[in-house]
């Protein structure tokens, strides 16, 4: 156990996983994803827009969706 009293694990947290609907939305926005078992991270979303992998130039061009 860690000093905080929680057991350390090697599995990804629930926060890191996409739901099936989120995955389908990201896949559609990024060309369908030929190999859905392998996607680049980070997955960054802004409304219906998304990117796979580190793409700060694309993110800077996005208008921020403030509806969430």
N, C-alpha and C. Protein backbone atom coordinates (compact mmCIF):
# COMPACT_ATOMS: atom_id res chain seq x y z
N UNK A 1 0.83 -1.19 0.00
CA UNK A 1 0.00 0.00 0.00
C UNK A 1 0.87 1.24 0.00
N UNK A 2 0.34 2.29 -0.56
CA UNK A 2 1.05 3.56 -0.57
C UNK A 2 0.89 4.25 0.77
N UNK A 3 1.60 5.35 0.96
CA UNK A 3 1.50 6.08 2.21
C UNK A 3 0.10 6.67 2.45
N UNK A 4 -0.69 6.80 1.39
CA UNK A 4 -2.04 7.33 1.54
C UNK A 4 -3.04 6.26 1.97
N UNK A 5 -2.56 5.01 2.06
CA UNK A 5 -3.45 3.93 2.48
C UNK A 5 -4.15 3.24 1.32
N UNK A 6 -3.88 3.68 0.09
CA UNK A 6 -4.50 3.04 -1.08
C UNK A 6 -3.54 2.03 -1.68
N UNK A 7 -4.10 0.98 -2.21
CA UNK A 7 -3.29 -0.04 -2.85
C UNK A 7 -2.89 0.44 -4.24
N UNK A 8 -1.62 0.33 -4.56
CA UNK A 8 -1.12 0.72 -5.88
C UNK A 8 -1.43 -0.39 -6.88
N UNK A 9 -1.90 0.00 -8.07
CA UNK A 9 -2.19 -0.97 -9.12
C UNK A 9 -1.57 -0.51 -10.42
N UNK A 10 -1.41 -1.41 -11.35
CA UNK A 10 -0.86 -1.08 -12.67
C UNK A 10 -1.95 -0.91 -13.71
N UNK A 11 -3.20 -1.04 -13.33
CA UNK A 11 -4.25 -0.91 -14.34
C UNK A 11 -4.63 0.55 -14.54
N UNK A 12 -5.05 0.87 -15.76
CA UNK A 12 -5.45 2.26 -16.02
C UNK A 12 -6.68 2.62 -15.21
N UNK A 13 -6.78 3.88 -14.83
CA UNK A 13 -7.94 4.32 -14.08
C UNK A 13 -9.15 4.41 -15.00
N UNK A 14 -10.32 4.40 -14.44
CA UNK A 14 -11.56 4.53 -15.22
C UNK A 14 -11.57 5.85 -15.97
N UNK A 15 -10.95 6.88 -15.42
CA UNK A 15 -10.92 8.18 -16.07
C UNK A 15 -10.20 8.12 -17.41
N UNK A 16 -9.28 7.20 -17.59
CA UNK A 16 -8.48 7.11 -18.81
C UNK A 16 -9.21 6.38 -19.94
N UNK A 17 -10.33 5.75 -19.65
CA UNK A 17 -11.04 4.96 -20.66
C UNK A 17 -12.15 5.77 -21.32
N UNK A 18 -12.36 5.50 -22.61
CA UNK A 18 -13.46 6.11 -23.34
C UNK A 18 -14.64 5.16 -23.34
N UNK A 19 -15.84 5.69 -23.20
CA UNK A 19 -17.02 4.85 -23.35
C UNK A 19 -17.14 4.46 -24.82
N UNK A 20 -17.98 3.50 -25.11
CA UNK A 20 -18.16 3.06 -26.50
C UNK A 20 -18.63 4.22 -27.38
N UNK A 21 -19.56 5.03 -26.86
CA UNK A 21 -20.06 6.17 -27.61
C UNK A 21 -18.99 7.22 -27.85
N UNK A 22 -18.18 7.50 -26.81
CA UNK A 22 -17.09 8.46 -26.95
C UNK A 22 -16.07 7.95 -27.96
N UNK A 23 -15.74 6.66 -27.87
CA UNK A 23 -14.79 6.08 -28.82
C UNK A 23 -15.30 6.21 -30.24
N UNK A 24 -16.56 5.87 -30.47
CA UNK A 24 -17.12 5.96 -31.81
C UNK A 24 -17.10 7.39 -32.33
N UNK A 25 -17.39 8.35 -31.46
CA UNK A 25 -17.36 9.76 -31.84
C UNK A 25 -15.94 10.20 -32.22
N UNK A 26 -14.96 9.82 -31.41
CA UNK A 26 -13.56 10.15 -31.70
C UNK A 26 -13.11 9.46 -32.98
N UNK A 27 -13.48 8.21 -33.15
CA UNK A 27 -13.10 7.46 -34.36
C UNK A 27 -13.66 8.14 -35.61
N UNK A 28 -14.92 8.54 -35.56
CA UNK A 28 -15.56 9.18 -36.71
C UNK A 28 -14.88 10.51 -37.02
N UNK A 29 -14.53 11.27 -36.00
CA UNK A 29 -13.88 12.57 -36.21
C UNK A 29 -12.45 12.44 -36.70
N UNK A 30 -11.86 11.26 -36.58
CA UNK A 30 -10.46 11.06 -36.96
C UNK A 30 -10.30 10.00 -38.04
N UNK A 31 -11.23 9.94 -38.96
CA UNK A 31 -11.09 9.09 -40.13
C UNK A 31 -11.45 7.63 -39.96
N UNK A 32 -12.14 7.25 -38.90
CA UNK A 32 -12.64 5.89 -38.76
C UNK A 32 -11.72 4.95 -37.99
N UNK A 33 -10.45 5.22 -37.85
CA UNK A 33 -9.47 4.39 -37.12
C UNK A 33 -9.40 2.96 -37.66
N UNK A 34 -8.44 2.71 -38.53
CA UNK A 34 -8.28 1.38 -39.12
C UNK A 34 -8.01 0.29 -38.08
N UNK A 35 -7.22 0.59 -37.07
CA UNK A 35 -6.92 -0.38 -36.02
C UNK A 35 -7.40 0.18 -34.68
N UNK A 36 -8.64 -0.12 -34.29
CA UNK A 36 -9.22 0.49 -33.10
C UNK A 36 -8.56 0.05 -31.78
N UNK A 37 -7.74 -1.01 -31.82
CA UNK A 37 -7.08 -1.44 -30.60
C UNK A 37 -5.91 -0.52 -30.24
N UNK A 38 -5.43 0.25 -31.23
CA UNK A 38 -4.28 1.11 -30.99
C UNK A 38 -4.64 2.54 -31.39
N UNK A 39 -4.71 3.43 -30.41
CA UNK A 39 -4.92 4.84 -30.71
C UNK A 39 -3.85 5.65 -29.99
N UNK A 40 -3.42 6.72 -30.62
CA UNK A 40 -2.43 7.58 -30.00
C UNK A 40 -3.06 8.36 -28.86
N UNK A 41 -2.27 8.62 -27.85
CA UNK A 41 -2.72 9.47 -26.77
C UNK A 41 -1.84 10.70 -26.74
N UNK A 42 -2.33 11.78 -26.26
CA UNK A 42 -3.62 11.95 -25.61
C UNK A 42 -4.75 12.08 -26.63
N UNK A 43 -5.93 11.69 -26.21
CA UNK A 43 -7.14 11.97 -26.97
C UNK A 43 -7.68 13.27 -26.40
N UNK A 44 -7.70 14.31 -27.22
CA UNK A 44 -8.14 15.63 -26.75
C UNK A 44 -9.41 15.98 -27.50
N UNK A 45 -10.45 16.33 -26.74
CA UNK A 45 -11.75 16.64 -27.34
C UNK A 45 -12.16 18.06 -27.03
N UNK A 46 -12.83 18.67 -28.00
CA UNK A 46 -13.42 20.00 -27.84
C UNK A 46 -14.75 19.96 -28.57
N UNK A 47 -15.81 19.67 -27.84
CA UNK A 47 -17.11 19.50 -28.48
C UNK A 47 -17.06 18.29 -29.41
N UNK A 48 -17.39 18.48 -30.68
CA UNK A 48 -17.37 17.38 -31.64
C UNK A 48 -16.01 17.21 -32.31
N UNK A 49 -15.08 18.11 -32.02
CA UNK A 49 -13.74 18.01 -32.58
C UNK A 49 -12.87 17.16 -31.65
N UNK A 50 -11.89 16.47 -32.23
CA UNK A 50 -10.95 15.72 -31.41
C UNK A 50 -9.66 15.50 -32.18
N UNK A 51 -8.61 15.26 -31.43
CA UNK A 51 -7.32 14.91 -32.03
C UNK A 51 -6.77 13.69 -31.31
N UNK A 52 -5.91 12.99 -32.00
CA UNK A 52 -5.19 11.86 -31.42
C UNK A 52 -3.71 12.21 -31.43
N UNK A 53 -3.05 12.06 -30.30
CA UNK A 53 -1.65 12.41 -30.20
C UNK A 53 -1.47 13.88 -29.85
N UNK A 54 -0.22 14.26 -29.65
CA UNK A 54 0.13 15.61 -29.23
C UNK A 54 0.09 16.55 -30.43
N UNK A 55 -0.90 17.47 -30.46
CA UNK A 55 -1.08 18.38 -31.58
C UNK A 55 -1.42 19.79 -31.09
N UNK A 56 -0.50 20.45 -30.40
CA UNK A 56 -0.80 21.76 -29.82
C UNK A 56 -1.17 22.82 -30.86
N UNK A 57 -0.64 22.74 -32.08
CA UNK A 57 -1.00 23.73 -33.11
C UNK A 57 -2.47 23.63 -33.48
N UNK A 58 -3.00 22.43 -33.53
CA UNK A 58 -4.43 22.23 -33.81
C UNK A 58 -5.25 22.76 -32.65
N UNK A 59 -4.84 22.48 -31.43
CA UNK A 59 -5.59 22.90 -30.25
C UNK A 59 -5.67 24.42 -30.17
N UNK A 60 -4.59 25.10 -30.52
CA UNK A 60 -4.58 26.57 -30.47
C UNK A 60 -5.60 27.16 -31.44
N UNK A 61 -5.85 26.48 -32.55
CA UNK A 61 -6.78 26.98 -33.56
C UNK A 61 -8.24 26.75 -33.18
N UNK A 62 -8.50 25.88 -32.22
CA UNK A 62 -9.86 25.59 -31.80
C UNK A 62 -10.47 26.75 -31.05
N UNK A 63 -11.74 26.98 -31.30
CA UNK A 63 -12.52 27.88 -30.45
C UNK A 63 -12.97 27.05 -29.27
N UNK A 64 -12.84 27.57 -28.11
CA UNK A 64 -13.18 26.82 -26.90
C UNK A 64 -14.68 26.68 -26.77
N UNK A 65 -15.13 25.44 -26.60
CA UNK A 65 -16.55 25.13 -26.38
C UNK A 65 -16.83 25.30 -24.89
N UNK A 66 -17.50 26.37 -24.51
CA UNK A 66 -17.74 26.67 -23.10
C UNK A 66 -19.09 26.17 -22.61
N UNK A 67 -19.70 25.21 -23.34
CA UNK A 67 -21.03 24.73 -22.94
C UNK A 67 -20.97 23.60 -21.96
N UNK A 68 -19.80 23.11 -21.59
CA UNK A 68 -19.73 21.98 -20.67
C UNK A 68 -19.53 22.38 -19.26
